Amino acid sequence: MNQLTAPTTQFTDRLVREAERVKITSVSRTSAWALEKKGLFPKRRKLHADSDRVCWLLSELLEFVQSREVINMNSAL
């Protein structure tokens, strides 16, 4: 007897470079650096030990975005 099973979706984290990080978080490079130093932003990771190139984990950036407070602009007026 053949049993139908629901397909499973496997999430694989990936590395995000600076240009995409800005689009995801809407945080400038300087602000991200300051927040990172305070422990309030995901830590950058070196792409290679001998390089200055850095990246972030997509999952950590998405977690940061989801943790931000939503501001209702209508109630502020």
PDB file of N, CA and C in Angstrom:
ATOM      1  N   MET A   1       0.843  -1.174   0.000  1.00  0.00           N
ATOM      2  CA  MET A   1       0.000   0.000   0.000  1.00  0.00           C
ATOM      3  C   MET A   1       0.891   1.241   0.000  1.00  0.00           C
ATOM      4  N   ASN A   2       0.601   2.160  -0.880  1.00  0.00           N
ATOM      5  CA  ASN A   2       1.343   3.405  -0.979  1.00  0.00           C
ATOM      6  C   ASN A   2       0.757   4.438  -0.033  1.00  0.00           C
ATOM      7  N   GLN A   3       1.604   5.021   0.781  1.00  0.00           N
ATOM      8  CA  GLN A   3       1.135   6.040   1.711  1.00  0.00           C
ATOM      9  C   GLN A   3       1.592   7.400   1.209  1.00  0.00           C
ATOM     10  N   LEU A   4       0.661   8.339   1.132  1.00  0.00           N
ATOM     11  CA  LEU A   4       1.010   9.697   0.717  1.00  0.00           C
ATOM     12  C   LEU A   4       1.526  10.454   1.927  1.00  0.00           C
ATOM     13  N   THR A   5       2.624  11.104   1.752  1.00  0.00           N
ATOM     14  CA  THR A   5       3.161  11.911   2.833  1.00  0.00           C
ATOM     15  C   THR A   5       3.310  13.342   2.347  1.00  0.00           C
ATOM     16  N   ALA A   6       3.135  14.242   3.281  1.00  0.00           N
ATOM     17  CA  ALA A   6       3.271  15.668   2.942  1.00  0.00           C
ATOM     18  C   ALA A   6       4.741  15.966   2.676  1.00  0.00           C
ATOM     19  N   PRO A   7       5.009  16.745   1.635  1.00  0.00           N
ATOM     20  CA  PRO A   7       6.403  17.086   1.372  1.00  0.00           C
ATOM     21  C   PRO A   7       6.965  17.931   2.510  1.00  0.00           C
ATOM     22  N   THR A   8       8.180  17.685   2.850  1.00  0.00           N
ATOM     23  CA  THR A   8       8.804  18.465   3.913  1.00  0.00           C
ATOM     24  C   THR A   8       9.669  19.549   3.279  1.00  0.00           C
ATOM     25  N   THR A   9       9.586  20.720   3.852  1.00  0.00           N
ATOM     26  CA  THR A   9      10.389  21.830   3.384  1.00  0.00           C
ATOM     27  C   THR A   9      11.585  21.947   4.307  1.00  0.00           C
ATOM     28  N   GLN A  10      12.751  21.883   3.736  1.00  0.00           N
ATOM     29  CA  GLN A  10      13.961  21.993   4.528  1.00  0.00           C
ATOM     30  C   GLN A  10      14.576  23.367   4.279  1.00  0.00           C
ATOM     31  N   PHE A  11      14.705  24.132   5.349  1.00  0.00           N
ATOM     32  CA  PHE A  11      15.271  25.473   5.232  1.00  0.00           C
ATOM     33  C   PHE A  11      16.774  25.393   5.411  1.00  0.00           C
ATOM     34  N   THR A  12      17.484  25.923   4.470  1.00  0.00           N
ATOM     35  CA  THR A  12      18.932  25.990   4.562  1.00  0.00           C
ATOM     36  C   THR A  12      19.316  27.453   4.676  1.00  0.00           C
ATOM     37  N   ASP A  13      20.000  27.784   5.751  1.00  0.00           N
ATOM     38  CA  ASP A  13      20.439  29.161   5.946  1.00  0.00           C
ATOM     39  C   ASP A  13      21.455  29.527   4.873  1.00  0.00           C
ATOM     40  N   ARG A  14      21.577  30.812   4.619  1.00  0.00           N
ATOM     41  CA  ARG A  14      22.561  31.241   3.632  1.00  0.00           C
ATOM     42  C   ARG A  14      23.212  32.530   4.087  1.00  0.00           C
ATOM     43  N   LEU A  15      24.304  32.842   3.438  1.00  0.00           N
ATOM     44  CA  LEU A  15      25.056  34.048   3.761  1.00  0.00           C
ATOM     45  C   LEU A  15      24.533  35.229   2.959  1.00  0.00           C
ATOM     46  N   VAL A  16      24.527  36.400   3.585  1.00  0.00           N
ATOM     47  CA  VAL A  16      24.023  37.629   2.971  1.00  0.00           C
ATOM     48  C   VAL A  16      25.138  38.662   2.997  1.00  0.00           C
ATOM     49  N   ARG A  17      25.388  39.286   1.871  1.00  0.00           N
ATOM     50  CA  ARG A  17      26.408  40.330   1.778  1.00  0.00           C
ATOM     51  C   ARG A  17      25.782  41.692   2.084  1.00  0.00           C
ATOM     52  N   GLU A  18      26.599  42.725   2.140  1.00  0.00           N
ATOM     53  CA  GLU A  18      26.190  44.059   2.590  1.00  0.00           C
ATOM     54  C   GLU A  18      24.999  44.646   1.831  1.00  0.00           C
ATOM     55  N   ALA A  19      25.024  44.619   0.522  1.00  0.00           N
ATOM     56  CA  ALA A  19      23.940  45.242  -0.257  1.00  0.00           C
ATOM     57  C   ALA A  19      22.584  44.616   0.066  1.00  0.00           C
ATOM     58  N   GLU A  20      22.552  43.316   0.188  1.00  0.00           N
ATOM     59  CA  GLU A  20      21.291  42.632   0.509  1.00  0.00           C
ATOM     60  C   GLU A  20      20.915  42.852   1.967  1.00  0.00           C
ATOM     61  N   ARG A  21      21.912  42.940   2.858  1.00  0.00           N
ATOM     62  CA  ARG A  21      21.644  43.182   4.272  1.00  0.00           C
ATOM     63  C   ARG A  21      20.914  44.506   4.457  1.00  0.00           C
ATOM     64  N   VAL A  22      21.347  45.528   3.721  1.00  0.00           N
ATOM     65  CA  VAL A  22      20.698  46.842   3.816  1.00  0.00           C
ATOM     66  C   VAL A  22      19.250  46.749   3.343  1.00  0.00           C
ATOM     67  N   LYS A  23      19.002  46.021   2.258  1.00  0.00           N
ATOM     68  CA  LYS A  23      17.633  45.878   1.753  1.00  0.00           C
ATOM     69  C   LYS A  23      16.752  45.129   2.741  1.00  0.00           C
ATOM     70  N   ILE A  24      17.288  44.135   3.409  1.00  0.00           N
ATOM     71  CA  ILE A  24      16.507  43.329   4.357  1.00  0.00           C
ATOM     72  C   ILE A  24      16.194  44.105   5.622  1.00  0.00           C
ATOM     73  N   THR A  25      17.191  44.813   6.161  1.00  0.00           N
ATOM     74  CA  THR A  25      17.026  45.448   7.469  1.00  0.00           C
ATOM     75  C   THR A  25      16.678  46.928   7.415  1.00  0.00           C
ATOM     76  N   SER A  26      16.956  47.595   6.314  1.00  0.00           N
ATOM     77  CA  SER A  26      16.781  49.048   6.192  1.00  0.00           C
ATOM     78  C   SER A  26      17.597  49.804   7.226  1.00  0.00           C
ATOM     79  N   VAL A  27      18.724  49.232   7.606  1.00  0.00           N
ATOM     80  CA  VAL A  27      19.625  49.861   8.572  1.00  0.00           C
ATOM     81  C   VAL A  27      20.913  50.204   7.838  1.00  0.00           C
ATOM     82  N   SER A  28      21.369  51.438   7.984  1.00  0.00           N
ATOM     83  CA  SER A  28      22.593  51.861   7.303  1.00  0.00           C
ATOM     84  C   SER A  28      23.797  51.089   7.839  1.00  0.00           C
ATOM     85  N   ARG A  29      24.879  51.148   7.094  1.00  0.00           N
ATOM     86  CA  ARG A  29      26.104  50.448   7.488  1.00  0.00           C
ATOM     87  C   ARG A  29      26.603  50.966   8.838  1.00  0.00           C
ATOM     88  N   THR A  30      26.597  52.291   9.017  1.00  0.00           N
ATOM     89  CA  THR A  30      27.083  52.888  10.260  1.00  0.00           C
ATOM     90  C   THR A  30      26.201  52.509  11.444  1.00  0.00           C
ATOM     91  N   SER A  31      24.891  52.569  11.256  1.00  0.00           N
ATOM     92  CA  SER A  31      23.965  52.210  12.334  1.00  0.00           C
ATOM     93  C   SER A  31      24.075  50.734  12.684  1.00  0.00           C
ATOM     94  N   ALA A  32      24.208  49.889  11.674  1.00  0.00           N
ATOM     95  CA  ALA A  32      24.353  48.446  11.922  1.00  0.00           C
ATOM     96  C   ALA A  32      25.614  48.176  12.726  1.00  0.00           C
ATOM     97  N   TRP A  33      26.698  48.865  12.383  1.00  0.00           N
ATOM     98  CA  TRP A  33      27.957  48.688  13.096  1.00  0.00           C
ATOM     99  C   TRP A  33      27.801  49.107  14.560  1.00  0.00           C
ATOM    100  N   ALA A  34      27.168  50.261  14.803  1.00  0.00           N
ATOM    101  CA  ALA A  34      26.969  50.756  16.171  1.00  0.00           C
ATOM    102  C   ALA A  34      26.074  49.805  16.969  1.00  0.00           C
ATOM    103  N   LEU A  35      24.991  49.337  16.349  1.00  0.00           N
ATOM    104  CA  LEU A  35      24.096  48.394  17.022  1.00  0.00           C
ATOM    105  C   LEU A  35      24.799  47.069  17.307  1.00  0.00           C
ATOM    106  N   GLU A  36      25.625  46.626  16.367  1.00  0.00           N
ATOM    107  CA  GLU A  36      26.367  45.373  16.554  1.00  0.00           C
ATOM    108  C   GLU A  36      27.314  45.491  17.747  1.00  0.00           C
ATOM    109  N   LYS A  37      27.992  46.621  17.882  1.00  0.00           N
ATOM    110  CA  LYS A  37      28.914  46.831  18.998  1.00  0.00           C
ATOM    111  C   LYS A  37      28.186  46.801  20.339  1.00  0.00           C
ATOM    112  N   LYS A  38      26.898  47.189  20.357  1.00  0.00           N
ATOM    113  CA  LYS A  38      26.081  47.165  21.573  1.00  0.00           C
ATOM    114  C   LYS A  38      25.407  45.813  21.782  1.00  0.00           C
ATOM    115  N   GLY A  39      25.596  44.897  20.828  1.00  0.00           N
ATOM    116  CA  GLY A  39      24.974  43.580  20.938  1.00  0.00           C
ATOM    117  C   GLY A  39      23.517  43.568  20.516  1.00  0.00           C
ATOM    118  N   LEU A  40      23.092  44.584  19.745  1.00  0.00           N
ATOM    119  CA  LEU A  40      21.692  44.715  19.348  1.00  0.00           C
ATOM    120  C   LEU A  40      21.442  44.369  17.886  1.00  0.00           C
ATOM    121  N   PHE A  41      22.484  43.942  17.189  1.00  0.00           N
ATOM    122  CA  PHE A  41      22.379  43.611  15.767  1.00  0.00           C
ATOM    123  C   PHE A  41      23.184  42.338  15.538  1.00  0.00           C
ATOM    124  N   PRO A  42      22.761  41.496  14.595  1.00  0.00           N
ATOM    125  CA  PRO A  42      23.500  40.251  14.332  1.00  0.00           C
ATOM    126  C   PRO A  42      24.966  40.525  14.007  1.00  0.00           C
ATOM    127  N   LYS A  43      25.833  39.664  14.520  1.00  0.00           N
ATOM    128  CA  LYS A  43      27.271  39.824  14.290  1.00  0.00           C
ATOM    129  C   LYS A  43      27.645  39.438  12.873  1.00  0.00           C
ATOM    130  N   ARG A  44      28.543  40.217  12.330  1.00  0.00           N
ATOM    131  CA  ARG A  44      29.061  39.907  10.991  1.00  0.00           C
ATOM    132  C   ARG A  44      29.999  38.708  11.090  1.00  0.00           C
ATOM    133  N   ARG A  45      30.170  38.031   9.971  1.00  0.00           N
ATOM    134  CA  ARG A  45      31.059  36.882   9.894  1.00  0.00           C
ATOM    135  C   ARG A  45      32.018  37.100   8.739  1.00  0.00           C
ATOM    136  N   LYS A  46      33.258  36.715   8.947  1.00  0.00           N
ATOM    137  CA  LYS A  46      34.247  36.826   7.873  1.00  0.00           C
ATOM    138  C   LYS A  46      34.004  35.733   6.852  1.00  0.00           C
ATOM    139  N   LEU A  47      34.081  36.096   5.590  1.00  0.00           N
ATOM    140  CA  LEU A  47      33.941  35.097   4.536  1.00  0.00           C
ATOM    141  C   LEU A  47      35.183  34.226   4.429  1.00  0.00           C
ATOM    142  N   HIS A  48      36.327  34.812   4.749  1.00  0.00           N
ATOM    143  CA  HIS A  48      37.580  34.073   4.673  1.00  0.00           C
ATOM    144  C   HIS A  48      38.535  34.677   5.690  1.00  0.00           C
ATOM    145  N   ALA A  49      39.354  33.855   6.290  1.00  0.00           N
ATOM    146  CA  ALA A  49      40.262  34.327   7.335  1.00  0.00           C
ATOM    147  C   ALA A  49      41.220  35.406   6.840  1.00  0.00           C
ATOM    148  N   ASP A  50      41.620  35.345   5.581  1.00  0.00           N
ATOM    149  CA  ASP A  50      42.584  36.297   5.034  1.00  0.00           C
ATOM    150  C   ASP A  50      41.928  37.458   4.297  1.00  0.00           C
ATOM    151  N   SER A  51      40.639  37.669   4.513  1.00  0.00           N
ATOM    152  CA  SER A  51      39.914  38.682   3.768  1.00  0.00           C
ATOM    153  C   SER A  51      39.163  39.614   4.709  1.00  0.00           C
ATOM    154  N   ASP A  52      38.878  40.814   4.235  1.00  0.00           N
ATOM    155  CA  ASP A  52      38.064  41.762   4.998  1.00  0.00           C
ATOM    156  C   ASP A  52      36.583  41.636   4.647  1.00  0.00           C
ATOM    157  N   ARG A  53      36.264  40.770   3.700  1.00  0.00           N
ATOM    158  CA  ARG A  53      34.869  40.606   3.291  1.00  0.00           C
ATOM    159  C   ARG A  53      34.062  39.955   4.415  1.00  0.00           C
ATOM    160  N   VAL A  54      32.859  40.512   4.618  1.00  0.00           N
ATOM    161  CA  VAL A  54      32.003  39.998   5.687  1.00  0.00           C
ATOM    162  C   VAL A  54      30.615  39.668   5.152  1.00  0.00           C
ATOM    163  N   CYS A  55      29.874  38.933   5.960  1.00  0.00           N
ATOM    164  CA  CYS A  55      28.509  38.556   5.611  1.00  0.00           C
ATOM    165  C   CYS A  55      27.731  38.345   6.901  1.00  0.00           C
ATOM    166  N   TRP A  56      26.451  38.097   6.759  1.00  0.00           N
ATOM    167  CA  TRP A  56      25.568  37.810   7.886  1.00  0.00           C
ATOM    168  C   TRP A  56      24.751  36.588   7.534  1.00  0.00           C
ATOM    169  N   LEU A  57      24.236  35.900   8.547  1.00  0.00           N
ATOM    170  CA  LEU A  57      23.321  34.787   8.299  1.00  0.00           C
ATOM    171  C   LEU A  57      21.928  35.357   8.064  1.00  0.00           C
ATOM    172  N   LEU A  58      21.281  34.892   7.023  1.00  0.00           N
ATOM    173  CA  LEU A  58      19.938  35.366   6.685  1.00  0.00           C
ATOM    174  C   LEU A  58      18.983  35.162   7.850  1.00  0.00           C
ATOM    175  N   SER A  59      19.045  34.026   8.500  1.00  0.00           N
ATOM    176  CA  SER A  59      18.121  33.729   9.609  1.00  0.00           C
ATOM    177  C   SER A  59      18.274  34.742  10.740  1.00  0.00           C
ATOM    178  N   GLU A  60      19.495  35.165  11.030  1.00  0.00           N
ATOM    179  CA  GLU A  60      19.719  36.141  12.094  1.00  0.00           C
ATOM    180  C   GLU A  60      19.193  37.519  11.696  1.00  0.00           C
ATOM    181  N   LEU A  61      19.344  37.887  10.436  1.00  0.00           N
ATOM    182  CA  LEU A  61      18.816  39.167   9.971  1.00  0.00           C
ATOM    183  C   LEU A  61      17.295  39.178  10.023  1.00  0.00           C
ATOM    184  N   LEU A  62      16.674  38.081   9.597  1.00  0.00           N
ATOM    185  CA  LEU A  62      15.214  38.007   9.629  1.00  0.00           C
ATOM    186  C   LEU A  62      14.693  38.038  11.059  1.00  0.00           C
ATOM    187  N   GLU A  63      15.409  37.399  11.962  1.00  0.00           N
ATOM    188  CA  GLU A  63      15.029  37.434  13.383  1.00  0.00           C
ATOM    189  C   GLU A  63      15.126  38.865  13.922  1.00  0.00           C
ATOM    190  N   PHE A  64      16.161  39.589  13.522  1.00  0.00           N
ATOM    191  CA  PHE A  64      16.315  40.990  13.927  1.00  0.00           C
ATOM    192  C   PHE A  64      15.138  41.823  13.434  1.00  0.00           C
ATOM    193  N   VAL A  65      14.790  41.675  12.171  1.00  0.00           N
ATOM    194  CA  VAL A  65      13.687  42.447  11.587  1.00  0.00           C
ATOM    195  C   VAL A  65      12.374  42.132  12.306  1.00  0.00           C
ATOM    196  N   GLN A  66      12.134  40.865  12.570  1.00  0.00           N
ATOM    197  CA  GLN A  66      10.880  40.472  13.229  1.00  0.00           C
ATOM    198  C   GLN A  66      10.820  40.950  14.671  1.00  0.00           C
ATOM    199  N   SER A  67      11.958  41.212  15.285  1.00  0.00           N
ATOM    200  CA  SER A  67      11.975  41.648  16.681  1.00  0.00           C
ATOM    201  C   SER A  67      11.759  43.149  16.836  1.00  0.00           C
ATOM    202  N   ARG A  68      11.791  43.890  15.729  1.00  0.00           N
ATOM    203  CA  ARG A  68      11.627  45.342  15.791  1.00  0.00           C
ATOM    204  C   ARG A  68      10.190  45.700  16.118  1.00  0.00           C
ATOM    205  N   GLU A  69      10.025  46.778  16.845  1.00  0.00           N
ATOM    206  CA  GLU A  69       8.711  47.274  17.226  1.00  0.00           C
ATOM    207  C   GLU A  69       8.030  47.913  16.020  1.00  0.00           C
ATOM    208  N   VAL A  70       6.738  47.648  15.871  1.00  0.00           N
ATOM    209  CA  VAL A  70       5.956  48.252  14.794  1.00  0.00           C
ATOM    210  C   VAL A  70       5.376  49.561  15.321  1.00  0.00           C
ATOM    211  N   ILE A  71       5.568  50.629  14.570  1.00  0.00           N
ATOM    212  CA  ILE A  71       5.064  51.939  14.970  1.00  0.00           C
ATOM    213  C   ILE A  71       3.828  52.259  14.155  1.00  0.00           C
ATOM    214  N   ASN A  72       2.736  52.569  14.832  1.00  0.00           N
ATOM    215  CA  ASN A  72       1.499  52.957  14.183  1.00  0.00           C
ATOM    216  C   ASN A  72       1.525  54.457  14.002  1.00  0.00           C
ATOM    217  N   MET A  73       1.771  54.903  12.778  1.00  0.00           N
ATOM    218  CA  MET A  73       1.912  56.325  12.513  1.00  0.00           C
ATOM    219  C   MET A  73       0.589  57.090  12.703  1.00  0.00           C
ATOM    220  N   ASN A  74      -0.561  56.418  12.561  1.00  0.00           N
ATOM    221  CA  ASN A  74      -1.849  57.090  12.720  1.00  0.00           C
ATOM    222  C   ASN A  74      -2.094  57.507  14.154  1.00  0.00           C
ATOM    223  N   SER A  75      -1.637  56.729  15.125  1.00  0.00           N
ATOM    224  CA  SER A  75      -1.856  57.069  16.521  1.00  0.00           C
ATOM    225  C   SER A  75      -0.904  58.167  16.998  1.00  0.00           C
ATOM    226  N   ALA A  76       0.189  58.370  16.271  1.00  0.00           N
ATOM    227  CA  ALA A  76       1.153  59.394  16.647  1.00  0.00           C
ATOM    228  C   ALA A  76       0.691  60.786  16.251  1.00  0.00           C
ATOM    229  N   LEU A  77      -0.263  60.873  15.347  1.00  0.00           N
ATOM    230  CA  LEU A  77      -0.720  62.183  14.874  1.00  0.00           C
ATOM    231  C   LEU A  77      -1.702  62.818  15.782  1.00  0.00           C
TER     232      LEU A  77
END
